[in-house]
C-alpha atoms as a PDB file:
ATOM      1  CA  MET A   1       0.223   0.171  -0.064  1.00  0.00           C
ATOM      2  CA  ALA A   2       2.923   2.360   0.619  1.00  0.00           C
ATOM      3  CA  GLU A   3       4.445   1.603  -2.454  1.00  0.00           C
ATOM      4  CA  CYS A   4       1.093   2.597  -4.261  1.00  0.00           C
ATOM      5  CA  GLU A   5       0.826   5.895  -2.284  1.00  0.00           C
ATOM      6  CA  ARG A   6       4.481   6.884  -3.418  1.00  0.00           C
ATOM      7  CA  LEU A   7       3.432   6.079  -6.931  1.00  0.00           C
ATOM      8  CA  VAL A   8       0.329   8.188  -6.749  1.00  0.00           C
ATOM      9  CA  VAL A   9       2.593  11.130  -5.336  1.00  0.00           C
ATOM     10  CA  ARG A  10       5.392  10.906  -7.685  1.00  0.00           C
ATOM     11  CA  LEU A  11       2.703  10.856 -10.586  1.00  0.00           C
ATOM     12  CA  ILE A  12       1.121  14.147  -8.970  1.00  0.00           C
ATOM     13  CA  ALA A  13       4.161  15.604  -8.796  1.00  0.00           C
ATOM     14  CA  THR A  14       4.781  14.887 -12.521  1.00  0.00           C
ATOM     15  CA  ALA A  15       1.811  16.256 -13.415  1.00  0.00           C
ATOM     16  CA  ILE A  16       2.103  19.348 -11.286  1.00  0.00           C
ATOM     17  CA  LEU A  17       5.398  19.959 -12.877  1.00  0.00           C
ATOM     18  CA  PHE A  18       3.948  19.387 -16.393  1.00  0.00           C
ATOM     19  CA  LEU A  19       1.134  21.930 -15.878  1.00  0.00           C
ATOM     20  CA  GLY A  20       3.868  24.486 -14.214  1.00  0.00           C
ATOM     21  CA  LEU A  21       5.845  24.069 -17.453  1.00  0.00           C
ATOM     22  CA  THR A  22       3.051  24.432 -19.790  1.00  0.00           C
ATOM     23  CA  ALA A  23       1.978  27.440 -17.853  1.00  0.00           C
ATOM     24  CA  CYS A  24       5.357  29.090 -18.099  1.00  0.00           C
ATOM     25  CA  GLY A  25       5.563  28.275 -21.565  1.00  0.00           C
ATOM     26  CA  SER A  26       2.160  30.004 -22.190  1.00  0.00           C
ATOM     27  CA  ASP A  27       3.096  32.719 -20.527  1.00  0.00           C
ATOM     28  CA  GLU A  28       6.323  33.016 -22.289  1.00  0.00           C
ATOM     29  CA  THR A  29       4.387  32.883 -25.901  1.00  0.00           C
ATOM     30  CA  ALA A  30       1.918  35.460 -24.603  1.00  0.00           C
ATOM     31  CA  GLU A  31       4.551  37.796 -23.680  1.00  0.00           C
ATOM     32  CA  GLU A  32       6.155  37.299 -27.203  1.00  0.00           C
ATOM     33  CA  GLU A  33       3.172  37.776 -28.884  1.00  0.00           C
ATOM     34  CA  ASP A  34       2.472  40.837 -26.654  1.00  0.00           C
ATOM     35  CA  ALA A  35       5.951  42.170 -27.838  1.00  0.00           C
ATOM     36  CA  ILE A  36       5.120  42.037 -31.550  1.00  0.00           C
ATOM     37  CA  PRO A  37       3.233  45.283 -32.690  1.00  0.00           C
ATOM     38  CA  SER A  38      -0.264  44.625 -33.959  1.00  0.00           C
ATOM     39  CA  GLU A  39      -1.046  46.446 -37.279  1.00  0.00           C
ATOM     40  CA  PRO A  40      -3.924  49.124 -36.759  1.00  0.00           C
ATOM     41  CA  PRO A  41      -7.264  48.373 -38.093  1.00  0.00           C
ATOM     42  CA  VAL A  42      -7.883  49.180 -41.634  1.00  0.00           C
ATOM     43  CA  GLU A  43     -10.588  51.868 -40.886  1.00  0.00           C
ATOM     44  CA  GLN A  44      -7.964  53.713 -38.891  1.00  0.00           C
ATOM     45  CA  LEU A  45      -5.268  53.466 -41.675  1.00  0.00           C
ATOM     46  CA  TYR A  46      -7.926  54.969 -44.197  1.00  0.00           C
ATOM     47  CA  ASN A  47      -8.964  57.686 -41.752  1.00  0.00           C
ATOM     48  CA  ASN A  48      -5.277  58.626 -41.415  1.00  0.00           C
ATOM     49  CA  ALA A  49      -4.796  58.947 -45.043  1.00  0.00           C
ATOM     50  CA  MET A  50      -8.179  61.081 -45.497  1.00  0.00           C
ATOM     51  CA  ASP A  51      -6.743  63.380 -42.811  1.00  0.00           C
ATOM     52  CA  SER A  52      -3.687  63.654 -44.458  1.00  0.00           C
ATOM     53  CA  LEU A  53      -5.570  64.605 -47.810  1.00  0.00           C
ATOM     54  CA  ILE A  54      -7.811  67.049 -45.993  1.00  0.00           C
ATOM     55  CA  SER A  55      -5.155  68.830 -44.393  1.00  0.00           C
ATOM     56  CA  GLY A  56      -3.030  69.169 -47.847  1.00  0.00           C
ATOM     57  CA  GLU A  57      -0.223  66.508 -47.443  1.00  0.00           C
ATOM     58  CA  ARG A  58      -1.182  64.898 -50.845  1.00  0.00           C
ATOM     59  CA  GLN A  59       1.605  62.678 -51.307  1.00  0.00           C
ATOM     60  CA  ILE A  60       1.614  61.354 -47.799  1.00  0.00           C
ATOM     61  CA  ALA A  61      -2.041  60.361 -48.553  1.00  0.00           C
ATOM     62  CA  ALA A  62      -1.242  58.742 -51.478  1.00  0.00           C
ATOM     63  CA  GLN A  63       1.531  56.713 -49.819  1.00  0.00           C
ATOM     64  CA  GLN A  64      -0.911  55.852 -47.012  1.00  0.00           C
ATOM     65  CA  PHE A  65      -3.753  54.712 -49.114  1.00  0.00           C
ATOM     66  CA  GLU A  66      -1.335  52.445 -50.681  1.00  0.00           C
ATOM     67  CA  GLU A  67      -0.496  50.897 -47.439  1.00  0.00           C
ATOM     68  CA  VAL A  68      -4.295  50.195 -46.733  1.00  0.00           C
ATOM     69  CA  GLU A  69      -4.221  48.082 -50.077  1.00  0.00           C
ATOM     70  CA  ARG A  70      -0.874  46.346 -49.090  1.00  0.00           C
ATOM     71  CA  GLN A  71      -1.812  45.417 -45.465  1.00  0.00           C
ATOM     72  CA  HIS A  72      -5.527  44.592 -46.296  1.00  0.00           C
ATOM     73  CA  PRO A  73      -5.757  43.797 -50.131  1.00  0.00           C
ATOM     74  CA  TYR A  74      -8.971  41.975 -49.881  1.00  0.00           C
ATOM     75  CA  SER A  75     -11.093  44.398 -47.635  1.00  0.00           C
ATOM     76  CA  VAL A  76     -13.657  46.859 -49.133  1.00  0.00           C
ATOM     77  CA  TRP A  77     -11.222  49.580 -47.775  1.00  0.00           C
ATOM     78  CA  ALA A  78      -8.424  48.121 -50.481  1.00  0.00           C
ATOM     79  CA  THR A  79     -10.749  49.094 -53.220  1.00  0.00           C
ATOM     80  CA  LYS A  80     -11.536  52.419 -52.040  1.00  0.00           C
ATOM     81  CA  ALA A  81      -7.938  53.217 -51.361  1.00  0.00           C
ATOM     82  CA  GLN A  82      -7.207  52.307 -54.874  1.00  0.00           C
ATOM     83  CA  LEU A  83      -9.322  55.077 -56.308  1.00  0.00           C
ATOM     84  CA  MET A  84      -8.227  57.614 -53.433  1.00  0.00           C
ATOM     85  CA  THR A  85      -4.374  56.805 -54.005  1.00  0.00           C
ATOM     86  CA  ALA A  86      -5.002  58.019 -57.605  1.00  0.00           C
ATOM     87  CA  TYR A  87      -7.268  61.140 -56.604  1.00  0.00           C
ATOM     88  CA  ALA A  88      -4.818  61.959 -53.830  1.00  0.00           C
ATOM     89  CA  ASN A  89      -1.772  61.827 -56.910  1.00  0.00           C
ATOM     90  CA  TYR A  90      -3.784  63.899 -59.317  1.00  0.00           C
ATOM     91  CA  GLN A  91      -4.304  66.772 -56.780  1.00  0.00           C
ATOM     92  CA  ASN A  92      -0.589  66.966 -55.936  1.00  0.00           C
ATOM     93  CA  GLY A  93       0.027  67.307 -59.551  1.00  0.00           C
ATOM     94  CA  ASP A  94       1.424  63.576 -60.164  1.00  0.00           C
ATOM     95  CA  TYR A  95      -0.743  62.986 -62.970  1.00  0.00           C
ATOM     96  CA  GLY A  96       1.646  59.874 -64.514  1.00  0.00           C
ATOM     97  CA  ASP A  97       1.061  58.063 -61.304  1.00  0.00           C
ATOM     98  CA  ALA A  98      -2.721  58.822 -61.004  1.00  0.00           C
ATOM     99  CA  ILE A  99      -3.266  57.482 -64.594  1.00  0.00           C
ATOM    100  CA  ILE A 100      -1.365  54.309 -63.644  1.00  0.00           C
ATOM    101  CA  ALA A 101      -3.432  54.108 -60.718  1.00  0.00           C
ATOM    102  CA  LEU A 102      -6.556  54.618 -62.467  1.00  0.00           C
ATOM    103  CA  ASP A 103      -5.759  52.228 -64.940  1.00  0.00           C
ATOM    104  CA  ARG A 104      -5.132  49.477 -62.367  1.00  0.00           C
ATOM    105  CA  PHE A 105      -8.421  50.273 -60.915  1.00  0.00           C
ATOM    106  CA  ILE A 106     -10.336  50.091 -63.998  1.00  0.00           C
ATOM    107  CA  GLN A 107      -8.696  46.841 -65.085  1.00  0.00           C
ATOM    108  CA  LEU A 108      -9.676  45.418 -61.803  1.00  0.00           C
ATOM    109  CA  HIS A 109     -13.137  46.428 -60.995  1.00  0.00           C
ATOM    110  CA  PRO A 110     -14.694  47.319 -64.304  1.00  0.00           C
ATOM    111  CA  GLY A 111     -18.183  46.945 -62.717  1.00  0.00           C
ATOM    112  CA  ASN A 112     -17.449  49.345 -59.764  1.00  0.00           C
ATOM    113  CA  ARG A 113     -20.092  52.026 -59.148  1.00  0.00           C
ATOM    114  CA  ASP A 114     -17.233  54.193 -59.365  1.00  0.00           C
ATOM    115  CA  VAL A 115     -15.666  53.247 -62.214  1.00  0.00           C
ATOM    116  CA  SER A 116     -16.996  56.134 -64.398  1.00  0.00           C
ATOM    117  CA  TYR A 117     -15.618  58.526 -61.793  1.00  0.00           C
ATOM    118  CA  ALA A 118     -12.248  56.700 -62.754  1.00  0.00           C
ATOM    119  CA  TYR A 119     -12.497  57.376 -66.429  1.00  0.00           C
ATOM    120  CA  TYR A 120     -13.265  60.857 -65.810  1.00  0.00           C
ATOM    121  CA  LEU A 121     -10.348  61.493 -63.531  1.00  0.00           C
ATOM    122  CA  LYS A 122      -7.899  59.683 -66.008  1.00  0.00           C
ATOM    123  CA  ALA A 123      -9.145  62.140 -68.465  1.00  0.00           C
ATOM    124  CA  LEU A 124      -8.772  65.122 -66.318  1.00  0.00           C
ATOM    125  CA  SER A 125      -4.972  63.877 -65.539  1.00  0.00           C
ATOM    126  CA  TYR A 126      -4.386  64.041 -69.611  1.00  0.00           C
ATOM    127  CA  TYR A 127      -5.875  67.449 -69.638  1.00  0.00           C
ATOM    128  CA  ARG A 128      -4.144  68.894 -66.856  1.00  0.00           C
ATOM    129  CA  GLN A 129      -0.781  68.510 -68.956  1.00  0.00           C
ATOM    130  CA  ILE A 130      -2.119  70.119 -72.252  1.00  0.00           C
ATOM    131  CA  THR A 131       0.319  72.951 -73.551  1.00  0.00           C
ATOM    132  CA  ASP A 132       0.160  75.820 -75.350  1.00  0.00           C
ATOM    133  CA  VAL A 133      -0.230  75.211 -79.385  1.00  0.00           C
ATOM    134  CA  GLY A 134       3.321  75.951 -79.806  1.00  0.00           C
ATOM    135  CA  ARG A 135       4.313  72.552 -78.212  1.00  0.00           C
ATOM    136  CA  ASP A 136       3.623  68.954 -79.176  1.00  0.00           C
ATOM    137  CA  GLN A 137       0.053  68.070 -78.970  1.00  0.00           C
ATOM    138  CA  ARG A 138       0.284  64.376 -77.749  1.00  0.00           C
ATOM    139  CA  THR A 139      -1.258  64.881 -74.339  1.00  0.00           C
ATOM    140  CA  SER A 140      -4.167  66.908 -75.919  1.00  0.00           C
ATOM    141  CA  GLU A 141      -4.713  63.822 -78.130  1.00  0.00           C
ATOM    142  CA  GLU A 142      -4.754  61.529 -75.202  1.00  0.00           C
ATOM    143  CA  ALA A 143      -7.217  63.811 -73.361  1.00  0.00           C
ATOM    144  CA  LEU A 144      -9.254  63.644 -76.385  1.00  0.00           C
ATOM    145  CA  VAL A 145      -9.476  60.087 -76.754  1.00  0.00           C
ATOM    146  CA  ALA A 146      -9.740  59.677 -72.923  1.00  0.00           C
ATOM    147  CA  PHE A 147     -12.779  62.062 -72.759  1.00  0.00           C
ATOM    148  CA  GLN A 148     -14.365  60.480 -75.749  1.00  0.00           C
ATOM    149  CA  ASP A 149     -14.077  57.096 -74.322  1.00  0.00           C
ATOM    150  CA  LEU A 150     -15.892  58.259 -71.090  1.00  0.00           C
ATOM    151  CA  VAL A 151     -18.638  59.888 -73.453  1.00  0.00           C
ATOM    152  CA  ARG A 152     -18.906  56.727 -75.271  1.00  0.00           C
ATOM    153  CA  ARG A 153     -19.102  54.326 -72.235  1.00  0.00           C
ATOM    154  CA  PHE A 154     -21.261  56.116 -70.003  1.00  0.00           C
ATOM    155  CA  PRO A 155     -23.212  58.820 -71.853  1.00  0.00           C
ATOM    156  CA  ALA A 156     -25.817  59.466 -68.762  1.00  0.00           C
ATOM    157  CA  SER A 157     -23.387  59.755 -66.187  1.00  0.00           C
ATOM    158  CA  ARG A 158     -22.487  62.897 -64.431  1.00  0.00           C
ATOM    159  CA  TYR A 159     -19.432  63.432 -65.772  1.00  0.00           C
ATOM    160  CA  ALA A 160     -20.369  62.998 -69.409  1.00  0.00           C
ATOM    161  CA  ARG A 161     -21.697  66.718 -69.840  1.00  0.00           C
ATOM    162  CA  ASP A 162     -18.220  68.087 -68.433  1.00  0.00           C
ATOM    163  CA  GLY A 163     -16.630  65.288 -70.876  1.00  0.00           C
ATOM    164  CA  ARG A 164     -18.204  66.772 -73.838  1.00  0.00           C
ATOM    165  CA  HIS A 165     -17.802  70.155 -72.994  1.00  0.00           C
ATOM    166  CA  LYS A 166     -13.936  69.423 -72.942  1.00  0.00           C
ATOM    167  CA  ILE A 167     -14.042  67.549 -76.104  1.00  0.00           C
ATOM    168  CA  ASP A 168     -14.926  70.682 -77.726  1.00  0.00           C
ATOM    169  CA  LEU A 169     -12.252  72.944 -76.168  1.00  0.00           C
ATOM    170  CA  ILE A 170      -9.665  70.086 -76.797  1.00  0.00           C
ATOM    171  CA  VAL A 171     -10.739  69.922 -80.561  1.00  0.00           C
ATOM    172  CA  ASP A 172     -10.604  73.784 -80.778  1.00  0.00           C
ATOM    173  CA  HIS A 173      -7.009  73.525 -79.341  1.00  0.00           C
ATOM    174  CA  LEU A 174      -5.854  70.895 -81.612  1.00  0.00           C
ATOM    175  CA  ALA A 175      -7.223  73.175 -84.421  1.00  0.00           C
ATOM    176  CA  GLY A 176      -5.164  75.708 -83.088  1.00  0.00           C
ATOM    177  CA  LYS A 177      -2.211  73.999 -83.402  1.00  0.00           C
ATOM    178  CA  GLU A 178      -2.950  73.005 -87.235  1.00  0.00           C
ATOM    179  CA  MET A 179      -3.129  76.974 -87.221  1.00  0.00           C
ATOM    180  CA  GLU A 180       0.183  77.586 -85.913  1.00  0.00           C
ATOM    181  CA  VAL A 181       1.761  75.017 -88.123  1.00  0.00           C
ATOM    182  CA  GLY A 182       0.088  76.591 -91.317  1.00  0.00           C
ATOM    183  CA  ARG A 183       0.967  80.227 -90.404  1.00  0.00           C
ATOM    184  CA  PHE A 184       4.447  79.066 -90.051  1.00  0.00           C
ATOM    185  CA  TYR A 185       4.659  77.550 -93.363  1.00  0.00           C
ATOM    186  CA  GLN A 186       2.938  80.485 -94.823  1.00  0.00           C
ATOM    187  CA  LYS A 187       5.325  82.922 -93.485  1.00  0.00           C
ATOM    188  CA  ARG A 188       8.205  80.902 -94.970  1.00  0.00           C
ATOM    189  CA  GLY A 189       6.315  81.057 -98.194  1.00  0.00           C
ATOM    190  CA  ASP A 190       5.845  77.111 -98.432  1.00  0.00           C
ATOM    191  CA  TYR A 191       2.228  77.967 -99.521  1.00  0.00           C
ATOM    192  CA  LEU A 192       1.238  74.211-100.768  1.00  0.00           C
ATOM    193  CA  ALA A 193       2.305  73.042 -96.773  1.00  0.00           C
ATOM    194  CA  ALA A 194       0.478  75.774 -95.589  1.00  0.00           C
ATOM    195  CA  ILE A 195      -3.022  74.954 -97.830  1.00  0.00           C
ATOM    196  CA  ASN A 196      -2.692  71.375 -96.380  1.00  0.00           C
ATOM    197  CA  ARG A 197      -2.556  72.597 -92.814  1.00  0.00           C
ATOM    198  CA  PHE A 198      -5.501  75.139 -93.274  1.00  0.00           C
ATOM    199  CA  LYS A 199      -7.524  72.432 -94.987  1.00  0.00           C
ATOM    200  CA  ILE A 200      -7.469  70.192 -92.044  1.00  0.00           C
ATOM    201  CA  VAL A 201      -9.033  73.070 -90.108  1.00  0.00           C
ATOM    202  CA  VAL A 202     -11.696  73.418 -92.590  1.00  0.00           C
ATOM    203  CA  ASP A 203     -12.260  69.654 -93.070  1.00  0.00           C
ATOM    204  CA  LYS A 204     -11.398  67.893 -89.635  1.00  0.00           C
ATOM    205  CA  TYR A 205     -12.242  70.888 -87.292  1.00  0.00           C
ATOM    206  CA  ASP A 206     -14.998  72.399 -89.083  1.00  0.00           C
ATOM    207  CA  THR A 207     -16.932  73.192 -85.998  1.00  0.00           C
ATOM    208  CA  THR A 208     -14.162  75.110 -84.123  1.00  0.00           C
ATOM    209  CA  THR A 209     -13.525  79.106 -84.008  1.00  0.00           C
ATOM    210  CA  HIS A 210     -10.337  78.574 -86.153  1.00  0.00           C
ATOM    211  CA  VAL A 211     -12.390  78.067 -89.537  1.00  0.00           C
ATOM    212  CA  PRO A 212     -12.983  81.685 -90.507  1.00  0.00           C
ATOM    213  CA  GLU A 213      -9.313  82.441 -90.426  1.00  0.00           C
ATOM    214  CA  ALA A 214      -8.238  78.806 -91.869  1.00  0.00           C
ATOM    215  CA  LEU A 215     -10.341  80.120 -95.119  1.00  0.00           C
ATOM    216  CA  HIS A 216      -8.756  83.430 -95.028  1.00  0.00           C
ATOM    217  CA  ARG A 217      -5.311  81.974 -95.012  1.00  0.00           C
ATOM    218  CA  LEU A 218      -6.166  79.917 -97.538  1.00  0.00           C
ATOM    219  CA  GLY A 219      -7.783  82.562 -99.526  1.00  0.00           C
ATOM    220  CA  GLU A 220      -3.942  84.182 -99.076  1.00  0.00           C
ATOM    221  CA  SER A 221      -2.160  81.243 -99.885  1.00  0.00           C
ATOM    222  CA  TYR A 222      -4.034  80.614-103.078  1.00  0.00           C
ATOM    223  CA  THR A 223      -3.452  84.160-104.504  1.00  0.00           C
ATOM    224  CA  ALA A 224       0.107  83.693-103.497  1.00  0.00           C
ATOM    225  CA  LEU A 225       0.245  80.965-105.847  1.00  0.00           C
ATOM    226  CA  GLY A 226      -1.699  82.902-108.487  1.00  0.00           C
ATOM    227  CA  LEU A 227      -4.757  80.649-108.022  1.00  0.00           C
ATOM    228  CA  ASN A 228      -7.328  83.366-107.928  1.00  0.00           C
ATOM    229  CA  GLU A 229     -10.329  81.465-109.086  1.00  0.00           C
ATOM    230  CA  ASN A 230      -9.381  78.951-105.780  1.00  0.00           C
ATOM    231  CA  ALA A 231      -9.204  82.154-103.716  1.00  0.00           C
ATOM    232  CA  ARG A 232     -12.498  83.408-105.061  1.00  0.00           C
ATOM    233  CA  ARG A 233     -14.470  80.240-104.046  1.00  0.00           C
ATOM    234  CA  VAL A 234     -12.957  80.529-100.440  1.00  0.00           C
ATOM    235  CA  ALA A 235     -14.460  83.995-100.189  1.00  0.00           C
ATOM    236  CA  ALA A 236     -17.835  82.887-101.209  1.00  0.00           C
ATOM    237  CA  VAL A 237     -17.514  80.107 -98.800  1.00  0.00           C
ATOM    238  CA  LEU A 238     -16.520  82.736 -96.044  1.00  0.00           C
ATOM    239  CA  GLY A 239     -19.159  85.054 -97.072  1.00  0.00           C
ATOM    240  CA  TYR A 240     -22.142  82.474 -96.968  1.00  0.00           C
ATOM    241  CA  ASN A 241     -21.096  80.851 -93.443  1.00  0.00           C
ATOM    242  CA  TYR A 242     -19.385  83.645 -91.761  1.00  0.00           C
ATOM    243  CA  PRO A 243     -20.766  87.155 -93.385  1.00  0.00           C
ATOM    244  CA  GLY A 244     -20.273  89.139 -90.317  1.00  0.00           C
ATOM    245  CA  SER A 245     -16.622  87.917 -89.659  1.00  0.00           C
ATOM    246  CA  THR A 246     -13.683  90.112 -90.337  1.00  0.00           C
ATOM    247  CA  TRP A 247     -11.888  87.347 -92.063  1.00  0.00           C
ATOM    248  CA  TYR A 248     -14.574  87.594 -94.618  1.00  0.00           C
ATOM    249  CA  PHE A 249     -13.745  91.391 -95.114  1.00  0.00           C
ATOM    250  CA  ASP A 250     -10.028  90.704 -95.301  1.00  0.00           C
ATOM    251  CA  THR A 251     -10.717  87.871 -98.127  1.00  0.00           C
ATOM    252  CA  TYR A 252     -13.060  90.152 -99.828  1.00  0.00           C
ATOM    253  CA  GLU A 253     -10.829  92.967 -99.803  1.00  0.00           C
ATOM    254  CA  LEU A 254      -7.995  90.472-101.060  1.00  0.00           C
ATOM    255  CA  VAL A 255      -9.626  88.667-103.816  1.00  0.00           C
ATOM    256  CA  GLU A 256     -11.337  92.133-105.424  1.00  0.00           C
ATOM    257  CA  GLY A 257      -8.769  94.662-104.495  1.00  0.00           C
ATOM    258  CA  VAL A 258     -11.113  96.978-102.667  1.00  0.00           C
ATOM    259  CA  GLU A 259     -11.005  98.166 -99.113  1.00  0.00           C
ATOM    260  CA  VAL A 260     -14.158  97.895 -97.155  1.00  0.00           C
ATOM    261  CA  GLU A 261     -15.278 100.914 -94.787  1.00  0.00           C
ATOM    262  CA  GLY A 262     -16.558  99.834 -91.389  1.00  0.00           C
ATOM    263  CA  LYS A 263     -15.602  96.173 -90.983  1.00  0.00           C
ATOM    264  CA  PRO A 264     -15.272  94.808 -87.563  1.00  0.00           C
ATOM    265  CA  GLU A 265     -11.764  94.816 -85.866  1.00  0.00           C
ATOM    266  CA  GLU A 266      -9.769  91.353 -86.132  1.00  0.00           C
ATOM    267  CA  ILE A 267      -9.948  88.856 -83.661  1.00  0.00           C
ATOM    268  CA  ASP A 268      -7.130  86.863 -82.350  1.00  0.00           C
ATOM    269  CA  ASN A 269      -7.822  83.117 -82.616  1.00  0.00           C
ATOM    270  CA  ALA A 270      -4.398  82.101 -81.233  1.00  0.00           C
ATOM    271  CA  GLY A 271      -5.440  82.231 -77.739  1.00  0.00           C
ATOM    272  CA  ALA A 272      -3.761  81.048 -74.370  1.00  0.00           C
ATOM    273  CA  LEU A 273      -4.517  78.199 -72.181  1.00  0.00           C
ATOM    274  CA  ASP A 274      -7.107  80.496 -70.197  1.00  0.00           C
ATOM    275  CA  TRP A 275     -10.173  77.812 -71.120  1.00  0.00           C
ATOM    276  CA  LEU A 276      -8.330  75.081 -69.528  1.00  0.00           C
ATOM    277  CA  TYR A 277      -8.841  75.642 -66.159  1.00  0.00           C
END
């Protein structure tokens, strides 16, 4: 009996020692877990990014929105953060980064309710980079394509109306570029090259404000080449479509060799970029 009691005591002691070791191990594990810094909740990350954006720290906000997606890639907040990253970059003037982020959002979430806004913001990112007519107009053409894509895909969206308005402005700007090049050739005496440029304005950009001047410049170039009948036809077109335009009176004086009294003052269509903003 005594032998059995000693056996039970040893078993109990062993059990107590095992439990003690387990408890110590649990305490050490808990301490180790407490030592590892936990990531903040996704809502906090997103709100921190919004606070940075509101306070004007746009570049920091873009980085914080990217962190939301990195830490919580499968949450609804990640989708929102993707679009807000693009918006923060756009507001900061980082249009290239904004376009990259928007293309990614559009590709990943084509059915998202905010995808029309993504198309709009992408077009605006190109639009803000448009330069004056004396420079390369590749960005103008990219902006035009982007706005046309927006209007085609989402004709009834809240952004389509502004998209159509900006399409008109961009087309007028591109026509201004053709006029700039045409005038350059005309001043050099390269009248055939100038005629080709002015014809582009008349044929391709026929709804823009530059058409009356383009017709007049055509008349000047035809006259310089001795193509007087062509110049008279241009004057007739001007008189029919723009009877009150100063360009018509200038062309009439040119082809008829007479001076018209009381004609309106000439309007400069070269323009600046005031319309852009």
